[in-house]
Amino acid sequence: MSDQGLCPRHPTVAVRVGQVLVGGNAPVVVQSMTNTDTADAVRTAIQCAELAQAGSELVRITVNSQEAAAAVPEIRERLDRMGCDVPLIGDFHFNGHKLLATEPACAEALAKYRI
């Protein structure tokens, strides 16, 4: 296959998200986002594991409420018990600084924050 039709990649600095290297000369990473209510830790953990099994190397979950933030540590624990080490990225909506301050266990359970 020829590279003639491909756009050149911009030089970036590589960073780690959990155990996954992103940017730099690392390969493109597959990322997905759940569509469950994050406060439902059981359903969200199951969907995260299914996404990882389907090939997602990073999984984003919305953290849009106090209940969702409180559920994140349980989601991480459930994934760990399933043997699923996919990094979780918390997608925060306007109030991330408040949720992370009031739910420090949420902050520790996430590999990355999107605020």
PDB file of N, CA and C in Angstrom:
ATOM      1  N   MET A   1       0.842  -1.174   0.000  1.00  0.00           N
ATOM      2  CA  MET A   1       0.000   0.000   0.000  1.00  0.00           C
ATOM      3  C   MET A   1       0.889   1.241   0.000  1.00  0.00           C
ATOM      4  N   SER A   2       0.516   2.241  -0.752  1.00  0.00           N
ATOM      5  CA  SER A   2       1.283   3.472  -0.872  1.00  0.00           C
ATOM      6  C   SER A   2       0.870   4.484   0.188  1.00  0.00           C
ATOM      7  N   ASP A   3       1.813   5.302   0.623  1.00  0.00           N
ATOM      8  CA  ASP A   3       1.524   6.366   1.582  1.00  0.00           C
ATOM      9  C   ASP A   3       1.139   7.670   0.891  1.00  0.00           C
ATOM     10  N   GLN A   4       1.019   7.673  -0.433  1.00  0.00           N
ATOM     11  CA  GLN A   4       0.794   8.917  -1.160  1.00  0.00           C
ATOM     12  C   GLN A   4      -0.487   9.627  -0.753  1.00  0.00           C
ATOM     13  N   GLY A   5      -1.522   8.917  -0.413  1.00  0.00           N
ATOM     14  CA  GLY A   5      -2.794   9.530  -0.071  1.00  0.00           C
ATOM     15  C   GLY A   5      -2.933   9.907   1.391  1.00  0.00           C
ATOM     16  N   LEU A   6      -1.953   9.581   2.206  1.00  0.00           N
ATOM     17  CA  LEU A   6      -2.057   9.854   3.638  1.00  0.00           C
ATOM     18  C   LEU A   6      -1.591  11.264   3.971  1.00  0.00           C
ATOM     19  N   CYS A   7      -2.249  11.863   4.941  1.00  0.00           N
ATOM     20  CA  CYS A   7      -1.827  13.173   5.443  1.00  0.00           C
ATOM     21  C   CYS A   7      -0.631  12.978   6.361  1.00  0.00           C
ATOM     22  N   PRO A   8       0.318  13.894   6.313  1.00  0.00           N
ATOM     23  CA  PRO A   8       1.459  13.758   7.232  1.00  0.00           C
ATOM     24  C   PRO A   8       1.020  13.990   8.674  1.00  0.00           C
ATOM     25  N   ARG A   9       1.627  13.257   9.587  1.00  0.00           N
ATOM     26  CA  ARG A   9       1.331  13.436  11.007  1.00  0.00           C
ATOM     27  C   ARG A   9       2.120  14.620  11.535  1.00  0.00           C
ATOM     28  N   HIS A  10       1.492  15.381  12.405  1.00  0.00           N
ATOM     29  CA  HIS A  10       2.170  16.495  13.054  1.00  0.00           C
ATOM     30  C   HIS A  10       3.043  15.953  14.177  1.00  0.00           C
ATOM     31  N   PRO A  11       4.233  16.488  14.329  1.00  0.00           N
ATOM     32  CA  PRO A  11       5.081  16.016  15.433  1.00  0.00           C
ATOM     33  C   PRO A  11       4.472  16.403  16.783  1.00  0.00           C
ATOM     34  N   THR A  12       4.377  15.438  17.671  1.00  0.00           N
ATOM     35  CA  THR A  12       3.823  15.668  19.005  1.00  0.00           C
ATOM     36  C   THR A  12       4.699  14.975  20.038  1.00  0.00           C
ATOM     37  N   VAL A  13       4.459  15.285  21.275  1.00  0.00           N
ATOM     38  CA  VAL A  13       5.159  14.641  22.385  1.00  0.00           C
ATOM     39  C   VAL A  13       4.323  13.449  22.835  1.00  0.00           C
ATOM     40  N   ALA A  14       4.947  12.316  23.017  1.00  0.00           N
ATOM     41  CA  ALA A  14       4.240  11.120  23.477  1.00  0.00           C
ATOM     42  C   ALA A  14       3.923  11.246  24.965  1.00  0.00           C
ATOM     43  N   VAL A  15       2.724  10.803  25.340  1.00  0.00           N
ATOM     44  CA  VAL A  15       2.312  10.759  26.743  1.00  0.00           C
ATOM     45  C   VAL A  15       1.690   9.396  27.019  1.00  0.00           C
ATOM     46  N   ARG A  16       1.683   9.008  28.271  1.00  0.00           N
ATOM     47  CA  ARG A  16       1.048   7.750  28.669  1.00  0.00           C
ATOM     48  C   ARG A  16      -0.319   8.039  29.260  1.00  0.00           C
ATOM     49  N   VAL A  17      -1.293   7.260  28.833  1.00  0.00           N
ATOM     50  CA  VAL A  17      -2.628   7.259  29.428  1.00  0.00           C
ATOM     51  C   VAL A  17      -2.795   5.843  29.960  1.00  0.00           C
ATOM     52  N   GLY A  18      -2.604   5.678  31.261  1.00  0.00           N
ATOM     53  CA  GLY A  18      -2.517   4.321  31.797  1.00  0.00           C
ATOM     54  C   GLY A  18      -1.268   3.685  31.220  1.00  0.00           C
ATOM     55  N   GLN A  19      -1.413   2.515  30.624  1.00  0.00           N
ATOM     56  CA  GLN A  19      -0.277   1.829  30.011  1.00  0.00           C
ATOM     57  C   GLN A  19      -0.193   2.076  28.509  1.00  0.00           C
ATOM     58  N   VAL A  20      -1.069   2.940  27.964  1.00  0.00           N
ATOM     59  CA  VAL A  20      -1.135   3.189  26.523  1.00  0.00           C
ATOM     60  C   VAL A  20      -0.356   4.453  26.174  1.00  0.00           C
ATOM     61  N   LEU A  21       0.537   4.341  25.194  1.00  0.00           N
ATOM     62  CA  LEU A  21       1.304   5.481  24.715  1.00  0.00           C
ATOM     63  C   LEU A  21       0.515   6.173  23.607  1.00  0.00           C
ATOM     64  N   VAL A  22       0.339   7.490  23.748  1.00  0.00           N
ATOM     65  CA  VAL A  22      -0.422   8.285  22.783  1.00  0.00           C
ATOM     66  C   VAL A  22       0.470   9.408  22.280  1.00  0.00           C
ATOM     67  N   GLY A  23       0.441   9.648  20.973  1.00  0.00           N
ATOM     68  CA  GLY A  23       1.218  10.739  20.387  1.00  0.00           C
ATOM     69  C   GLY A  23       2.632  10.314  20.069  1.00  0.00           C
ATOM     70  N   GLY A  24       3.458  11.296  19.728  1.00  0.00           N
ATOM     71  CA  GLY A  24       4.822  10.992  19.329  1.00  0.00           C
ATOM     72  C   GLY A  24       4.811  10.116  18.090  1.00  0.00           C
ATOM     73  N   ASN A  25       5.601   9.078  18.107  1.00  0.00           N
ATOM     74  CA  ASN A  25       5.635   8.125  16.997  1.00  0.00           C
ATOM     75  C   ASN A  25       4.812   6.877  17.282  1.00  0.00           C
ATOM     76  N   ALA A  26       4.011   6.916  18.351  1.00  0.00           N
ATOM     77  CA  ALA A  26       3.177   5.758  18.697  1.00  0.00           C
ATOM     78  C   ALA A  26       2.093   5.567  17.640  1.00  0.00           C
ATOM     79  N   PRO A  27       1.636   4.342  17.448  1.00  0.00           N
ATOM     80  CA  PRO A  27       0.539   4.108  16.507  1.00  0.00           C
ATOM     81  C   PRO A  27      -0.739   4.817  16.963  1.00  0.00           C
ATOM     82  N   VAL A  28      -1.626   5.059  16.028  1.00  0.00           N
ATOM     83  CA  VAL A  28      -2.924   5.650  16.347  1.00  0.00           C
ATOM     84  C   VAL A  28      -3.650   4.717  17.314  1.00  0.00           C
ATOM     85  N   VAL A  29      -4.313   5.294  18.313  1.00  0.00           N
ATOM     86  CA  VAL A  29      -4.978   4.530  19.365  1.00  0.00           C
ATOM     87  C   VAL A  29      -6.489   4.569  19.159  1.00  0.00           C
ATOM     88  N   VAL A  30      -7.145   3.420  19.319  1.00  0.00           N
ATOM     89  CA  VAL A  30      -8.603   3.336  19.220  1.00  0.00           C
ATOM     90  C   VAL A  30      -9.200   3.717  20.568  1.00  0.00           C
ATOM     91  N   GLN A  31     -10.155   4.647  20.534  1.00  0.00           N
ATOM     92  CA  GLN A  31     -10.810   5.139  21.748  1.00  0.00           C
ATOM     93  C   GLN A  31     -12.316   5.093  21.528  1.00  0.00           C
ATOM     94  N   SER A  32     -13.045   4.680  22.551  1.00  0.00           N
ATOM     95  CA  SER A  32     -14.509   4.643  22.482  1.00  0.00           C
ATOM     96  C   SER A  32     -15.072   5.318  23.716  1.00  0.00           C
ATOM     97  N   MET A  33     -16.373   5.586  23.673  1.00  0.00           N
ATOM     98  CA  MET A  33     -17.047   6.183  24.825  1.00  0.00           C
ATOM     99  C   MET A  33     -18.307   5.391  25.119  1.00  0.00           C
ATOM    100  N   THR A  34     -18.564   5.192  26.405  1.00  0.00           N
ATOM    101  CA  THR A  34     -19.772   4.470  26.798  1.00  0.00           C
ATOM    102  C   THR A  34     -21.002   5.339  26.564  1.00  0.00           C
ATOM    103  N   ASN A  35     -22.156   4.684  26.494  1.00  0.00           N
ATOM    104  CA  ASN A  35     -23.423   5.429  26.406  1.00  0.00           C
ATOM    105  C   ASN A  35     -24.353   5.043  27.551  1.00  0.00           C
ATOM    106  N   THR A  36     -23.781   4.499  28.608  1.00  0.00           N
ATOM    107  CA  THR A  36     -24.564   4.143  29.796  1.00  0.00           C
ATOM    108  C   THR A  36     -24.584   5.322  30.762  1.00  0.00           C
ATOM    109  N   ASP A  37     -25.475   5.252  31.740  1.00  0.00           N
ATOM    110  CA  ASP A  37     -25.461   6.206  32.844  1.00  0.00           C
ATOM    111  C   ASP A  37     -24.295   5.798  33.741  1.00  0.00           C
ATOM    112  N   THR A  38     -23.288   6.627  33.851  1.00  0.00           N
ATOM    113  CA  THR A  38     -22.090   6.271  34.610  1.00  0.00           C
ATOM    114  C   THR A  38     -22.409   5.951  36.063  1.00  0.00           C
ATOM    115  N   ALA A  39     -23.470   6.526  36.595  1.00  0.00           N
ATOM    116  CA  ALA A  39     -23.867   6.221  37.976  1.00  0.00           C
ATOM    117  C   ALA A  39     -24.250   4.752  38.131  1.00  0.00           C
ATOM    118  N   ASP A  40     -24.595   4.087  37.033  1.00  0.00           N
ATOM    119  CA  ASP A  40     -24.884   2.650  37.041  1.00  0.00           C
ATOM    120  C   ASP A  40     -23.558   1.921  36.825  1.00  0.00           C
ATOM    121  N   ALA A  41     -22.852   1.676  37.917  1.00  0.00           N
ATOM    122  CA  ALA A  41     -21.505   1.114  37.843  1.00  0.00           C
ATOM    123  C   ALA A  41     -21.472  -0.258  37.186  1.00  0.00           C
ATOM    124  N   VAL A  42     -22.481  -1.073  37.425  1.00  0.00           N
ATOM    125  CA  VAL A  42     -22.498  -2.430  36.861  1.00  0.00           C
ATOM    126  C   VAL A  42     -22.581  -2.367  35.339  1.00  0.00           C
ATOM    127  N   ARG A  43     -23.575  -1.663  34.821  1.00  0.00           N
ATOM    128  CA  ARG A  43     -23.748  -1.583  33.359  1.00  0.00           C
ATOM    129  C   ARG A  43     -22.571  -0.883  32.685  1.00  0.00           C
ATOM    130  N   THR A  44     -22.057   0.155  33.332  1.00  0.00           N
ATOM    131  CA  THR A  44     -20.938   0.886  32.734  1.00  0.00           C
ATOM    132  C   THR A  44     -19.682   0.024  32.696  1.00  0.00           C
ATOM    133  N   ALA A  45     -19.400  -0.712  33.761  1.00  0.00           N
ATOM    134  CA  ALA A  45     -18.229  -1.593  33.775  1.00  0.00           C
ATOM    135  C   ALA A  45     -18.352  -2.676  32.710  1.00  0.00           C
ATOM    136  N   ILE A  46     -19.536  -3.243  32.570  1.00  0.00           N
ATOM    137  CA  ILE A  46     -19.750  -4.272  31.544  1.00  0.00           C
ATOM    138  C   ILE A  46     -19.500  -3.689  30.164  1.00  0.00           C
ATOM    139  N   GLN A  47     -20.043  -2.489  29.906  1.00  0.00           N
ATOM    140  CA  GLN A  47     -19.857  -1.891  28.586  1.00  0.00           C
ATOM    141  C   GLN A  47     -18.384  -1.528  28.344  1.00  0.00           C
ATOM    142  N   CYS A  48     -17.692  -1.053  29.361  1.00  0.00           N
ATOM    143  CA  CYS A  48     -16.261  -0.767  29.216  1.00  0.00           C
ATOM    144  C   CYS A  48     -15.496  -2.031  28.829  1.00  0.00           C
ATOM    145  N   ALA A  49     -15.788  -3.130  29.494  1.00  0.00           N
ATOM    146  CA  ALA A  49     -15.121  -4.399  29.195  1.00  0.00           C
ATOM    147  C   ALA A  49     -15.447  -4.862  27.780  1.00  0.00           C
ATOM    148  N   GLU A  50     -16.699  -4.702  27.360  1.00  0.00           N
ATOM    149  CA  GLU A  50     -17.086  -5.084  25.998  1.00  0.00           C
ATOM    150  C   GLU A  50     -16.355  -4.230  24.962  1.00  0.00           C
ATOM    151  N   LEU A  51     -16.234  -2.936  25.227  1.00  0.00           N
ATOM    152  CA  LEU A  51     -15.512  -2.056  24.305  1.00  0.00           C
ATOM    153  C   LEU A  51     -14.040  -2.452  24.221  1.00  0.00           C
ATOM    154  N   ALA A  52     -13.439  -2.753  25.358  1.00  0.00           N
ATOM    155  CA  ALA A  52     -12.040  -3.177  25.363  1.00  0.00           C
ATOM    156  C   ALA A  52     -11.869  -4.484  24.601  1.00  0.00           C
ATOM    157  N   GLN A  53     -12.798  -5.408  24.805  1.00  0.00           N
ATOM    158  CA  GLN A  53     -12.729  -6.694  24.104  1.00  0.00           C
ATOM    159  C   GLN A  53     -12.884  -6.505  22.594  1.00  0.00           C
ATOM    160  N   ALA A  54     -13.651  -5.491  22.190  1.00  0.00           N
ATOM    161  CA  ALA A  54     -13.863  -5.211  20.766  1.00  0.00           C
ATOM    162  C   ALA A  54     -12.686  -4.455  20.145  1.00  0.00           C
ATOM    163  N   GLY A  55     -11.715  -4.047  20.964  1.00  0.00           N
ATOM    164  CA  GLY A  55     -10.520  -3.416  20.421  1.00  0.00           C
ATOM    165  C   GLY A  55     -10.250  -1.996  20.875  1.00  0.00           C
ATOM    166  N   SER A  56     -11.100  -1.444  21.702  1.00  0.00           N
ATOM    167  CA  SER A  56     -10.856  -0.094  22.205  1.00  0.00           C
ATOM    168  C   SER A  56      -9.698  -0.128  23.197  1.00  0.00           C
ATOM    169  N   GLU A  57      -8.706   0.723  22.965  1.00  0.00           N
ATOM    170  CA  GLU A  57      -7.534   0.761  23.834  1.00  0.00           C
ATOM    171  C   GLU A  57      -7.684   1.766  24.970  1.00  0.00           C
ATOM    172  N   LEU A  58      -8.615   2.704  24.816  1.00  0.00           N
ATOM    173  CA  LEU A  58      -8.968   3.685  25.835  1.00  0.00           C
ATOM    174  C   LEU A  58     -10.483   3.772  25.857  1.00  0.00           C
ATOM    175  N   VAL A  59     -11.069   3.956  27.035  1.00  0.00           N
ATOM    176  CA  VAL A  59     -12.526   4.089  27.129  1.00  0.00           C
ATOM    177  C   VAL A  59     -12.859   5.359  27.901  1.00  0.00           C
ATOM    178  N   ARG A  60     -13.704   6.182  27.291  1.00  0.00           N
ATOM    179  CA  ARG A  60     -14.173   7.408  27.936  1.00  0.00           C
ATOM    180  C   ARG A  60     -15.519   7.155  28.598  1.00  0.00           C
ATOM    181  N   ILE A  61     -15.664   7.727  29.791  1.00  0.00           N
ATOM    182  CA  ILE A  61     -16.948   7.682  30.496  1.00  0.00           C
ATOM    183  C   ILE A  61     -17.302   9.102  30.909  1.00  0.00           C
ATOM    184  N   THR A  62     -18.581   9.439  30.829  1.00  0.00           N
ATOM    185  CA  THR A  62     -18.983  10.774  31.251  1.00  0.00           C
ATOM    186  C   THR A  62     -19.024  10.845  32.769  1.00  0.00           C
ATOM    187  N   VAL A  63     -18.539  11.950  33.290  1.00  0.00           N
ATOM    188  CA  VAL A  63     -18.609  12.198  34.733  1.00  0.00           C
ATOM    189  C   VAL A  63     -19.310  13.547  34.862  1.00  0.00           C
ATOM    190  N   ASN A  64     -20.635  13.487  34.836  1.00  0.00           N
ATOM    191  CA  ASN A  64     -21.438  14.705  34.735  1.00  0.00           C
ATOM    192  C   ASN A  64     -22.272  14.996  35.975  1.00  0.00           C
ATOM    193  N   SER A  65     -22.062  14.219  37.037  1.00  0.00           N
ATOM    194  CA  SER A  65     -22.836  14.431  38.263  1.00  0.00           C
ATOM    195  C   SER A  65     -22.064  13.850  39.445  1.00  0.00           C
ATOM    196  N   GLN A  66     -22.505  14.217  40.634  1.00  0.00           N
ATOM    197  CA  GLN A  66     -21.897  13.685  41.852  1.00  0.00           C
ATOM    198  C   GLN A  66     -22.041  12.163  41.895  1.00  0.00           C
ATOM    199  N   GLU A  67     -23.202  11.653  41.475  1.00  0.00           N
ATOM    200  CA  GLU A  67     -23.447  10.202  41.480  1.00  0.00           C
ATOM    201  C   GLU A  67     -22.507   9.489  40.512  1.00  0.00           C
ATOM    202  N   ALA A  68     -22.291  10.085  39.355  1.00  0.00           N
ATOM    203  CA  ALA A  68     -21.377   9.483  38.382  1.00  0.00           C
ATOM    204  C   ALA A  68     -19.955   9.464  38.934  1.00  0.00           C
ATOM    205  N   ALA A  69     -19.526  10.569  39.525  1.00  0.00           N
ATOM    206  CA  ALA A  69     -18.177  10.638  40.096  1.00  0.00           C
ATOM    207  C   ALA A  69     -17.991   9.604  41.203  1.00  0.00           C
ATOM    208  N   ALA A  70     -19.020   9.426  42.016  1.00  0.00           N
ATOM    209  CA  ALA A  70     -18.946   8.458  43.109  1.00  0.00           C
ATOM    210  C   ALA A  70     -18.878   7.024  42.592  1.00  0.00           C
ATOM    211  N   ALA A  71     -19.420   6.762  41.400  1.00  0.00           N
ATOM    212  CA  ALA A  71     -19.447   5.407  40.836  1.00  0.00           C
ATOM    213  C   ALA A  71     -18.131   5.016  40.163  1.00  0.00           C
ATOM    214  N   VAL A  72     -17.305   5.979  39.796  1.00  0.00           N
ATOM    215  CA  VAL A  72     -16.086   5.685  39.035  1.00  0.00           C
ATOM    216  C   VAL A  72     -15.163   4.695  39.752  1.00  0.00           C
ATOM    217  N   PRO A  73     -14.880   4.838  41.045  1.00  0.00           N
ATOM    218  CA  PRO A  73     -14.012   3.845  41.694  1.00  0.00           C
ATOM    219  C   PRO A  73     -14.578   2.419  41.628  1.00  0.00           C
ATOM    220  N   GLU A  74     -15.899   2.283  41.764  1.00  0.00           N
ATOM    221  CA  GLU A  74     -16.506   0.950  41.661  1.00  0.00           C
ATOM    222  C   GLU A  74     -16.363   0.400  40.246  1.00  0.00           C
ATOM    223  N   ILE A  75     -16.509   1.254  39.242  1.00  0.00           N
ATOM    224  CA  ILE A  75     -16.338   0.817  37.847  1.00  0.00           C
ATOM    225  C   ILE A  75     -14.923   0.283  37.658  1.00  0.00           C
ATOM    226  N   ARG A  76     -13.930   1.035  38.139  1.00  0.00           N
ATOM    227  CA  ARG A  76     -12.531   0.603  38.011  1.00  0.00           C
ATOM    228  C   ARG A  76     -12.307  -0.724  38.735  1.00  0.00           C
ATOM    229  N   GLU A  77     -12.860  -0.857  39.951  1.00  0.00           N
ATOM    230  CA  GLU A  77     -12.710  -2.099  40.716  1.00  0.00           C
ATOM    231  C   GLU A  77     -13.343  -3.274  39.980  1.00  0.00           C
ATOM    232  N   ARG A  78     -14.522  -3.075  39.414  1.00  0.00           N
ATOM    233  CA  ARG A  78     -15.192  -4.148  38.678  1.00  0.00           C
ATOM    234  C   ARG A  78     -14.365  -4.556  37.460  1.00  0.00           C
ATOM    235  N   LEU A  79     -13.830  -3.584  36.738  1.00  0.00           N
ATOM    236  CA  LEU A  79     -12.994  -3.896  35.576  1.00  0.00           C
ATOM    237  C   LEU A  79     -11.751  -4.668  36.003  1.00  0.00           C
ATOM    238  N   ASP A  80     -11.128  -4.242  37.082  1.00  0.00           N
ATOM    239  CA  ASP A  80      -9.939  -4.946  37.574  1.00  0.00           C
ATOM    240  C   ASP A  80     -10.267  -6.392  37.937  1.00  0.00           C
ATOM    241  N   ARG A  81     -11.418  -6.606  38.575  1.00  0.00           N
ATOM    242  CA  ARG A  81     -11.825  -7.979  38.932  1.00  0.00           C
ATOM    243  C   ARG A  81     -12.101  -8.825  37.689  1.00  0.00           C
ATOM    244  N   MET A  82     -12.516  -8.183  36.600  1.00  0.00           N
ATOM    245  CA  MET A  82     -12.747  -8.892  35.333  1.00  0.00           C
ATOM    246  C   MET A  82     -11.445  -9.126  34.569  1.00  0.00           C
ATOM    247  N   GLY A  83     -10.343  -8.576  35.075  1.00  0.00           N
ATOM    248  CA  GLY A  83      -9.072  -8.695  34.362  1.00  0.00           C
ATOM    249  C   GLY A  83      -8.958  -7.725  33.202  1.00  0.00           C
ATOM    250  N   CYS A  84      -9.720  -6.656  33.241  1.00  0.00           N
ATOM    251  CA  CYS A  84      -9.747  -5.667  32.164  1.00  0.00           C
ATOM    252  C   CYS A  84      -9.009  -4.417  32.629  1.00  0.00           C
ATOM    253  N   ASP A  85      -7.822  -4.189  32.070  1.00  0.00           N
ATOM    254  CA  ASP A  85      -7.009  -3.056  32.526  1.00  0.00           C
ATOM    255  C   ASP A  85      -7.085  -1.844  31.598  1.00  0.00           C
ATOM    256  N   VAL A  86      -8.159  -1.742  30.819  1.00  0.00           N
ATOM    257  CA  VAL A  86      -8.311  -0.614  29.903  1.00  0.00           C
ATOM    258  C   VAL A  86      -8.310   0.698  30.690  1.00  0.00           C
ATOM    259  N   PRO A  87      -7.528   1.683  30.246  1.00  0.00           N
ATOM    260  CA  PRO A  87      -7.528   2.977  30.932  1.00  0.00           C
ATOM    261  C   PRO A  87      -8.873   3.689  30.762  1.00  0.00           C
ATOM    262  N   LEU A  88      -9.351   4.286  31.849  1.00  0.00           N
ATOM    263  CA  LEU A  88     -10.595   5.055  31.819  1.00  0.00           C
ATOM    264  C   LEU A  88     -10.275   6.538  31.750  1.00  0.00           C
ATOM    265  N   ILE A  89     -10.986   7.221  30.872  1.00  0.00           N
ATOM    266  CA  ILE A  89     -10.854   8.666  30.727  1.00  0.00           C
ATOM    267  C   ILE A  89     -12.165   9.284  31.171  1.00  0.00           C
ATOM    268  N   GLY A  90     -12.098  10.180  32.130  1.00  0.00           N
ATOM    269  CA  GLY A  90     -13.297  10.855  32.619  1.00  0.00           C
ATOM    270  C   GLY A  90     -13.594  12.088  31.792  1.00  0.00           C
ATOM    271  N   ASP A  91     -14.771  12.127  31.192  1.00  0.00           N
ATOM    272  CA  ASP A  91     -15.246  13.282  30.425  1.00  0.00           C
ATOM    273  C   ASP A  91     -16.087  14.146  31.358  1.00  0.00           C
ATOM    274  N   PHE A  92     -15.551  15.274  31.779  1.00  0.00           N
ATOM    275  CA  PHE A  92     -16.244  16.148  32.725  1.00  0.00           C
ATOM    276  C   PHE A  92     -16.950  17.269  31.977  1.00  0.00           C
ATOM    277  N   HIS A  93     -18.038  17.751  32.551  1.00  0.00           N
ATOM    278  CA  HIS A  93     -18.846  18.788  31.913  1.00  0.00           C
ATOM    279  C   HIS A  93     -18.951  19.990  32.840  1.00  0.00           C
ATOM    280  N   PHE A  94     -18.114  20.978  32.628  1.00  0.00           N
ATOM    281  CA  PHE A  94     -18.161  22.275  33.304  1.00  0.00           C
ATOM    282  C   PHE A  94     -17.815  22.242  34.791  1.00  0.00           C
ATOM    283  N   ASN A  95     -18.054  21.143  35.491  1.00  0.00           N
ATOM    284  CA  ASN A  95     -17.883  21.110  36.943  1.00  0.00           C
ATOM    285  C   ASN A  95     -16.826  20.100  37.381  1.00  0.00           C
ATOM    286  N   GLY A  96     -15.911  19.766  36.502  1.00  0.00           N
ATOM    287  CA  GLY A  96     -14.920  18.747  36.816  1.00  0.00           C
ATOM    288  C   GLY A  96     -14.079  19.062  38.028  1.00  0.00           C
ATOM    289  N   HIS A  97     -13.663  20.311  38.169  1.00  0.00           N
ATOM    290  CA  HIS A  97     -12.827  20.685  39.312  1.00  0.00           C
ATOM    291  C   HIS A  97     -13.558  20.449  40.631  1.00  0.00           C
ATOM    292  N   LYS A  98     -14.868  20.698  40.652  1.00  0.00           N
ATOM    293  CA  LYS A  98     -15.647  20.479  41.878  1.00  0.00           C
ATOM    294  C   LYS A  98     -15.814  18.988  42.160  1.00  0.00           C
ATOM    295  N   LEU A  99     -16.133  18.215  41.114  1.00  0.00           N
ATOM    296  CA  LEU A  99     -16.336  16.776  41.307  1.00  0.00           C
ATOM    297  C   LEU A  99     -15.041  16.088  41.731  1.00  0.00           C
ATOM    298  N   LEU A 100     -13.925  16.466  41.125  1.00  0.00           N
ATOM    299  CA  LEU A 100     -12.651  15.850  41.498  1.00  0.00           C
ATOM    300  C   LEU A 100     -12.246  16.220  42.922  1.00  0.00           C
ATOM    301  N   ALA A 101     -12.591  17.426  43.345  1.00  0.00           N
ATOM    302  CA  ALA A 101     -12.262  17.848  44.714  1.00  0.00           C
ATOM    303  C   ALA A 101     -13.110  17.117  45.749  1.00  0.00           C
ATOM    304  N   THR A 102     -14.385  16.880  45.426  1.00  0.00           N
ATOM    305  CA  THR A 102     -15.268  16.232  46.400  1.00  0.00           C
ATOM    306  C   THR A 102     -15.224  14.713  46.318  1.00  0.00           C
ATOM    307  N   GLU A 103     -14.714  14.170  45.225  1.00  0.00           N
ATOM    308  CA  GLU A 103     -14.616  12.713  45.044  1.00  0.00           C
ATOM    309  C   GLU A 103     -13.176  12.346  44.686  1.00  0.00           C
ATOM    310  N   PRO A 104     -12.245  12.432  45.622  1.00  0.00           N
ATOM    311  CA  PRO A 104     -10.845  12.140  45.304  1.00  0.00           C
ATOM    312  C   PRO A 104     -10.620  10.711  44.808  1.00  0.00           C
ATOM    313  N   ALA A 105     -11.453   9.766  45.220  1.00  0.00           N
ATOM    314  CA  ALA A 105     -11.306   8.384  44.731  1.00  0.00           C
ATOM    315  C   ALA A 105     -11.609   8.312  43.240  1.00  0.00           C
ATOM    316  N   CYS A 106     -12.478   9.177  42.757  1.00  0.00           N
ATOM    317  CA  CYS A 106     -12.767   9.258  41.319  1.00  0.00           C
ATOM    318  C   CYS A 106     -11.501   9.679  40.581  1.00  0.00           C
ATOM    319  N   ALA A 107     -10.839  10.698  41.110  1.00  0.00           N
ATOM    320  CA  ALA A 107      -9.611  11.195  40.487  1.00  0.00           C
ATOM    321  C   ALA A 107      -8.558  10.098  40.397  1.00  0.00           C
ATOM    322  N   GLU A 108      -8.439   9.293  41.442  1.00  0.00           N
ATOM    323  CA  GLU A 108      -7.436   8.228  41.477  1.00  0.00           C
ATOM    324  C   GLU A 108      -7.769   7.081  40.534  1.00  0.00           C
ATOM    325  N   ALA A 109      -9.056   6.846  40.266  1.00  0.00           N
ATOM    326  CA  ALA A 109      -9.477   5.714  39.435  1.00  0.00           C
ATOM    327  C   ALA A 109      -9.356   5.996  37.942  1.00  0.00           C
ATOM    328  N   LEU A 110      -9.202   7.252  37.571  1.00  0.00           N
ATOM    329  CA  LEU A 110      -9.134   7.629  36.159  1.00  0.00           C
ATOM    330  C   LEU A 110      -7.688   7.756  35.698  1.00  0.00           C
ATOM    331  N   ALA A 111      -7.445   7.365  34.442  1.00  0.00           N
ATOM    332  CA  ALA A 111      -6.116   7.506  33.856  1.00  0.00           C
ATOM    333  C   ALA A 111      -5.916   8.893  33.260  1.00  0.00           C
ATOM    334  N   LYS A 112      -7.022   9.573  32.934  1.00  0.00           N
ATOM    335  CA  LYS A 112      -6.943  10.883  32.290  1.00  0.00           C
ATOM    336  C   LYS A 112      -8.254  11.605  32.518  1.00  0.00           C
ATOM    337  N   TYR A 113      -8.192  12.935  32.527  1.00  0.00           N
ATOM    338  CA  TYR A 113      -9.396  13.755  32.659  1.00  0.00           C
ATOM    339  C   TYR A 113      -9.554  14.603  31.407  1.00  0.00           C
ATOM    340  N   ARG A 114     -10.800  14.764  30.970  1.00  0.00           N
ATOM    341  CA  ARG A 114     -11.140  15.723  29.904  1.00  0.00           C
ATOM    342  C   ARG A 114     -12.101  16.712  30.528  1.00  0.00           C
ATOM    343  N   ILE A 115     -11.647  17.937  30.682  1.00  0.00           N
ATOM    344  CA  ILE A 115     -12.483  18.949  31.335  1.00  0.00           C
ATOM    345  C   ILE A 115     -12.838  20.028  30.329  1.00  0.00           C
TER     346      ILE A 115
END
